[in-house]
Protein backbone atom coordinates (compact mmCIF):
# COMPACT_ATOMS: atom_id res chain seq x y z
CA MET A 1 15.09 -14.60 -15.82
CA LEU A 2 17.59 -13.12 -18.21
CA PRO A 3 19.71 -10.09 -17.14
CA ARG A 4 17.61 -7.65 -19.21
CA GLU A 5 19.31 -4.37 -18.30
CA GLU A 6 22.76 -5.87 -18.75
CA ILE A 7 21.79 -7.16 -22.20
CA LEU A 8 20.28 -3.80 -23.21
CA LYS A 9 23.26 -1.76 -22.03
CA GLY A 10 24.62 0.27 -24.95
CA ILE A 11 22.05 -1.16 -27.36
CA GLU A 12 20.87 1.16 -30.13
CA ASN A 13 17.69 -0.74 -31.06
CA ARG A 14 16.42 -1.22 -27.51
CA ASP A 15 12.77 -1.92 -28.34
CA SER A 16 13.61 -4.63 -30.88
CA VAL A 17 16.16 -6.35 -28.64
CA ALA A 18 13.78 -6.11 -25.67
CA ARG A 19 11.09 -7.93 -27.64
CA VAL A 20 13.56 -10.71 -28.44
CA ILE A 21 14.45 -10.93 -24.74
CA ASP A 22 10.73 -11.41 -24.00
CA LEU A 23 10.62 -14.25 -26.53
CA ALA A 24 13.76 -15.81 -25.08
CA GLU A 25 12.22 -15.84 -21.62
CA GLN A 26 9.10 -17.43 -23.10
CA ALA A 27 11.27 -20.12 -24.71
CA ILE A 28 12.96 -20.79 -21.37
CA LYS A 29 9.64 -21.14 -19.54
CA THR A 30 7.82 -23.26 -22.11
CA TRP A 31 10.71 -25.37 -23.46
CA GLU A 32 9.45 -24.50 -26.93
CA VAL A 33 11.05 -22.91 -29.99
CA VAL A 34 9.70 -19.40 -30.57
CA CYS A 35 10.23 -17.06 -33.53
CA SER A 36 10.67 -13.30 -33.66
CA ASP A 37 9.31 -10.97 -36.27
CA PHE A 38 11.64 -9.96 -39.09
CA LEU A 39 14.61 -7.91 -37.97
CA SER A 40 16.55 -5.35 -40.01
CA PRO A 41 20.33 -5.92 -40.35
CA PRO A 42 21.20 -3.46 -37.54
CA GLU A 43 18.61 -5.05 -35.24
CA LEU A 44 19.78 -8.57 -36.08
CA ALA A 45 23.44 -7.67 -35.50
CA GLU A 46 22.65 -6.32 -32.02
CA VAL A 47 20.49 -9.32 -31.13
CA GLN A 48 23.19 -11.77 -32.20
CA GLN A 49 25.92 -9.85 -30.40
CA SER A 50 24.02 -9.44 -27.15
CA PHE A 51 22.76 -13.04 -27.07
CA SER A 52 26.18 -14.53 -27.85
CA ARG A 53 27.12 -13.97 -24.20
CA LEU A 54 24.18 -15.98 -22.86
CA THR A 55 24.37 -19.67 -22.01
CA GLU A 56 20.68 -20.25 -21.24
CA VAL A 57 19.37 -19.78 -24.79
CA GLN A 58 20.46 -20.15 -28.39
CA LEU A 59 19.17 -18.62 -31.57
CA VAL A 60 19.39 -19.13 -35.32
CA ALA A 61 18.53 -16.56 -38.00
CA TRP A 62 17.01 -17.09 -41.46
CA GLY A 63 15.34 -14.90 -44.05
CA GLY A 64 14.47 -17.38 -46.78
CA TYR A 65 17.75 -17.33 -48.72
CA PRO A 66 21.44 -16.97 -47.80
CA GLN A 67 21.86 -13.28 -48.69
CA ALA A 68 18.58 -12.11 -47.08
CA GLU A 69 18.92 -8.82 -45.24
CA ARG A 70 15.76 -9.00 -43.15
CA GLN A 71 15.63 -12.18 -41.07
CA ARG A 72 13.67 -13.80 -38.27
CA VAL A 73 15.34 -15.58 -35.39
CA ALA A 74 14.21 -18.80 -33.78
CA ILE A 75 15.05 -19.03 -30.08
CA SER A 76 15.16 -22.04 -27.77
CA ARG A 77 16.71 -23.27 -24.56
CA SER A 78 20.32 -24.36 -25.10
CA GLU A 79 19.38 -27.98 -24.41
CA ILE A 80 16.94 -28.19 -27.33
CA PRO A 81 18.18 -28.90 -30.90
CA LEU A 82 17.68 -25.83 -33.07
CA GLU A 83 17.93 -25.67 -36.86
CA ARG A 84 17.36 -23.07 -39.55
CA SER A 85 14.33 -25.01 -40.80
CA GLN A 86 12.54 -24.02 -37.57
CA VAL A 87 12.52 -20.37 -38.61
CA ALA A 88 9.09 -20.11 -40.21
CA VAL A 89 9.14 -18.05 -43.41
CA THR A 90 7.09 -18.25 -46.62
CA ALA A 91 7.75 -16.88 -50.10
CA LEU A 92 4.99 -15.22 -52.10
CA ASP A 93 4.88 -14.39 -55.79
CA ILE A 94 3.18 -11.08 -56.61
CA ALA A 95 2.51 -11.46 -60.32
CA GLY A 96 1.29 -8.77 -62.70
CA ASN A 97 2.13 -7.06 -65.99
CA PHE A 98 4.34 -4.13 -65.03
CA LEU A 99 5.67 -3.52 -68.55
CA PHE A 100 3.99 -0.11 -68.86
CA ASP A 101 3.86 0.86 -65.18
CA THR A 102 7.13 -0.15 -63.53
CA ALA A 103 6.94 -0.74 -59.80
CA THR A 104 9.81 -0.33 -57.34
CA HIS A 105 10.63 -1.96 -54.04
CA ARG A 106 8.88 0.95 -52.33
CA ASP A 107 5.74 0.43 -54.42
CA PHE A 108 5.42 -3.24 -53.49
CA LEU A 109 6.11 -2.55 -49.82
CA GLY A 110 3.63 0.33 -49.79
CA ALA A 111 0.92 -1.81 -51.39
CA MET A 112 1.42 -4.56 -48.79
CA LEU A 113 1.44 -2.13 -45.85
CA GLY A 114 -1.67 -0.55 -47.34
CA THR A 115 -3.58 -3.75 -46.61
CA GLY A 116 -3.05 -3.11 -42.91
CA ILE A 117 -0.07 -5.33 -42.10
CA VAL A 118 3.05 -4.07 -40.30
CA ARG A 119 6.59 -4.01 -41.67
CA GLU A 120 7.89 -6.43 -39.03
CA LYS A 121 5.85 -9.25 -40.63
CA THR A 122 7.60 -8.90 -43.98
CA GLY A 123 11.11 -9.82 -45.01
CA ASP A 124 13.01 -9.04 -48.21
CA ILE A 125 11.29 -8.00 -51.41
CA ILE A 126 12.84 -9.24 -54.66
CA VAL A 127 11.69 -7.04 -57.57
CA LEU A 128 11.40 -8.93 -60.85
CA GLY A 129 10.90 -5.99 -63.21
CA GLU A 130 7.92 -6.26 -65.55
CA ARG A 131 6.82 -9.59 -64.00
CA GLY A 132 6.20 -8.30 -60.48
CA ALA A 133 8.03 -9.33 -57.32
CA GLN A 134 8.61 -12.03 -54.75
CA VAL A 135 8.40 -11.34 -51.03
CA ILE A 136 9.25 -13.23 -47.85
CA VAL A 137 6.61 -13.05 -45.13
CA VAL A 138 5.54 -14.80 -41.93
CA PRO A 139 3.37 -17.83 -42.87
CA GLU A 140 0.24 -16.46 -41.20
CA LEU A 141 0.09 -13.61 -43.77
CA VAL A 142 -0.24 -15.86 -46.82
CA GLU A 143 -4.03 -16.14 -46.86
CA PHE A 144 -4.51 -12.50 -45.81
CA LEU A 145 -2.38 -11.11 -48.65
CA ASP A 146 -3.96 -13.48 -51.14
CA MET A 147 -7.36 -11.99 -50.25
CA ASN A 148 -6.39 -8.35 -49.79
CA LEU A 149 -3.45 -7.48 -52.05
CA LYS A 150 -5.09 -6.92 -55.42
CA GLN A 151 -3.15 -4.02 -56.96
CA VAL A 152 0.32 -2.46 -57.00
CA ARG A 153 0.38 1.01 -58.52
CA SER A 154 -2.18 0.70 -61.36
CA VAL A 155 -1.45 -2.96 -62.02
CA PRO A 156 -3.77 -5.80 -60.91
CA VAL A 157 -1.77 -8.56 -59.20
CA LYS A 158 -2.23 -12.16 -58.19
CA VAL A 159 -0.60 -13.44 -55.00
CA GLN A 160 0.36 -17.05 -54.53
CA PRO A 161 2.89 -18.95 -52.40
CA VAL A 162 6.03 -20.36 -54.02
CA ASP A 163 8.72 -22.64 -52.70
CA LEU A 164 11.82 -20.93 -51.31
CA SER A 165 13.83 -22.78 -53.96
CA GLU A 166 11.93 -20.78 -56.61
CA LEU A 167 13.17 -17.42 -55.40
CA LYS A 168 14.84 -15.54 -58.25
CA VAL A 169 17.70 -14.08 -56.27
CA ARG A 170 20.51 -12.43 -58.16
CA GLU A 171 24.04 -12.72 -56.81
CA PRO A 172 25.18 -9.27 -55.68
CA LYS A 173 27.64 -7.49 -57.95
CA LYS A 174 31.07 -7.47 -56.39
CA LYS A 175 34.23 -5.51 -57.06
CA GLU A 176 37.56 -6.65 -55.58
CA LEU A 177 40.18 -4.01 -54.97
CA THR A 178 43.37 -3.36 -53.02
CA THR A 179 44.41 -0.16 -51.31
CA VAL A 180 47.54 0.88 -49.39
CA GLU A 181 46.87 3.25 -46.49
CA ALA A 182 48.88 4.83 -43.67
CA SER A 183 46.34 3.65 -41.11
CA MET A 184 43.18 1.55 -40.67
CA ARG A 185 41.02 4.60 -39.98
CA LEU A 186 37.43 4.25 -41.12
CA ASP A 187 37.53 7.37 -43.29
CA ALA A 188 40.65 6.20 -45.11
CA ILE A 189 39.49 2.65 -45.81
CA ALA A 190 35.92 3.63 -46.71
CA SER A 191 36.94 6.46 -49.03
CA ALA A 192 39.25 4.08 -50.91
CA GLY A 193 36.64 1.33 -51.09
CA PHE A 194 33.78 3.55 -52.22
CA GLY A 195 35.92 5.65 -54.54
CA MET A 196 35.20 9.05 -53.05
CA SER A 197 37.21 11.82 -51.45
CA ARG A 198 38.30 11.64 -47.83
CA ASN A 199 36.45 14.91 -47.08
CA LYS A 200 33.19 13.57 -48.53
CA MET A 201 33.54 10.37 -46.51
CA VAL A 202 34.10 12.39 -43.32
CA GLU A 203 30.87 14.28 -44.06
CA LEU A 204 28.96 11.01 -44.43
CA ILE A 205 30.43 9.62 -41.22
CA ASP A 206 29.70 12.81 -39.29
CA GLY A 207 26.15 12.80 -40.69
CA GLY A 208 25.39 9.32 -39.34
CA ASP A 209 25.18 7.69 -42.78
CA VAL A 210 27.93 5.11 -42.16
CA ARG A 211 27.63 1.87 -40.21
CA VAL A 212 30.28 -0.65 -39.30
CA ASN A 213 28.91 -4.14 -38.69
CA TRP A 214 25.48 -2.44 -38.81
CA ARG A 215 26.25 -0.11 -35.90
CA GLU A 216 26.34 3.63 -36.54
CA VAL A 217 29.85 5.06 -36.26
CA THR A 218 30.35 8.83 -36.18
CA GLN A 219 34.11 8.96 -35.55
CA PRO A 220 36.17 9.15 -38.78
CA SER A 221 39.20 7.95 -36.81
CA ALA A 222 37.48 4.71 -35.72
CA GLN A 223 39.67 1.69 -36.51
CA VAL A 224 38.45 -1.12 -38.78
CA LYS A 225 39.77 -4.66 -39.07
CA THR A 226 39.54 -7.80 -41.16
CA GLY A 227 35.97 -9.04 -41.41
CA ASP A 228 34.35 -5.67 -40.75
CA LEU A 229 31.41 -4.68 -42.95
CA ILE A 230 31.10 -0.98 -43.78
CA ALA A 231 27.70 0.15 -45.07
CA ILE A 232 26.73 3.54 -46.43
CA ARG A 233 23.10 4.44 -46.93
CA SER A 234 22.13 4.06 -50.65
CA LYS A 235 25.75 3.36 -51.68
CA GLY A 236 26.17 -0.32 -50.85
CA ARG A 237 28.52 -2.25 -48.59
CA LEU A 238 32.25 -2.82 -48.27
CA GLU A 239 33.90 -5.82 -46.62
CA VAL A 240 37.40 -5.50 -45.20
CA GLY A 241 39.51 -8.50 -46.19
CA GLU A 242 43.10 -9.52 -45.57
CA ILE A 243 45.43 -6.88 -44.16
CA ALA A 244 49.23 -6.96 -44.64
CA VAL A 245 51.88 -4.52 -43.40
CA THR A 246 54.31 -3.32 -46.09
CA LYS A 247 58.04 -2.71 -45.66
CA LYS A 248 57.25 0.99 -45.21
CA ASP A 249 54.85 0.19 -42.35
CA ARG A 250 51.77 0.95 -44.38
CA TYR A 251 48.67 -1.23 -44.62
CA ARG A 252 47.84 -3.16 -47.78
CA VAL A 253 44.13 -3.96 -47.51
CA GLN A 254 42.01 -6.28 -49.65
CA LEU A 255 38.48 -4.92 -50.05
CA THR A 256 35.28 -6.31 -51.54
CA ARG A 257 32.61 -3.82 -52.54
CA PHE A 258 29.02 -5.04 -52.92
CA MET A 259 26.99 -2.85 -55.27
């Protein structure tokens, strides 16, 4: 059996990680590949971090396309070959004429949950404006949603599966910038990257709205490093790039902001 309490030590999303531990133990016993439900980015980050220390099992994550935020993980014994194609996901097209009644991400999610399914069975939702949306789901929901999802807001919709290659995913907008700071404190780097005052950033950090590598950080003085991902609720994400020390012992930091 896996060292459950050791794995869960310091974990924020204990219930989600515990369910993945259960699946991992099932994979060990049965010698089969098993799949989790969809995990949010913070849940996935904790699962990947905690399982990276284990030698008995391996996992691979996939959400239907490279930039997917919500992903499932496939888990197997280390001796068994494991590929991304073994993570079972299906894409659905939710088509309707939304020209006069625009629907948002929340509207599509609400309509799907209104059929009785749970959030963990759905992945990302790609809103296509007046044409509807595309959604990633577990394969066993395809027939159910085809029969039960008939309307989003006031608009009648038709649900049908599409190939993952037909997903209309837009590349995220990026802004490259460089800042020179006296330290690598989270509040300094994040305020420069998101273009807001240091005091405002401290408020957001203190309020629990800032995550580093999908983990909540409430200390403005926390240090960040190359490769770290800083996310602020409703404001996007910031990736810390190359760091160089200037002649005046300050830090020149390359940043990429995803909007």
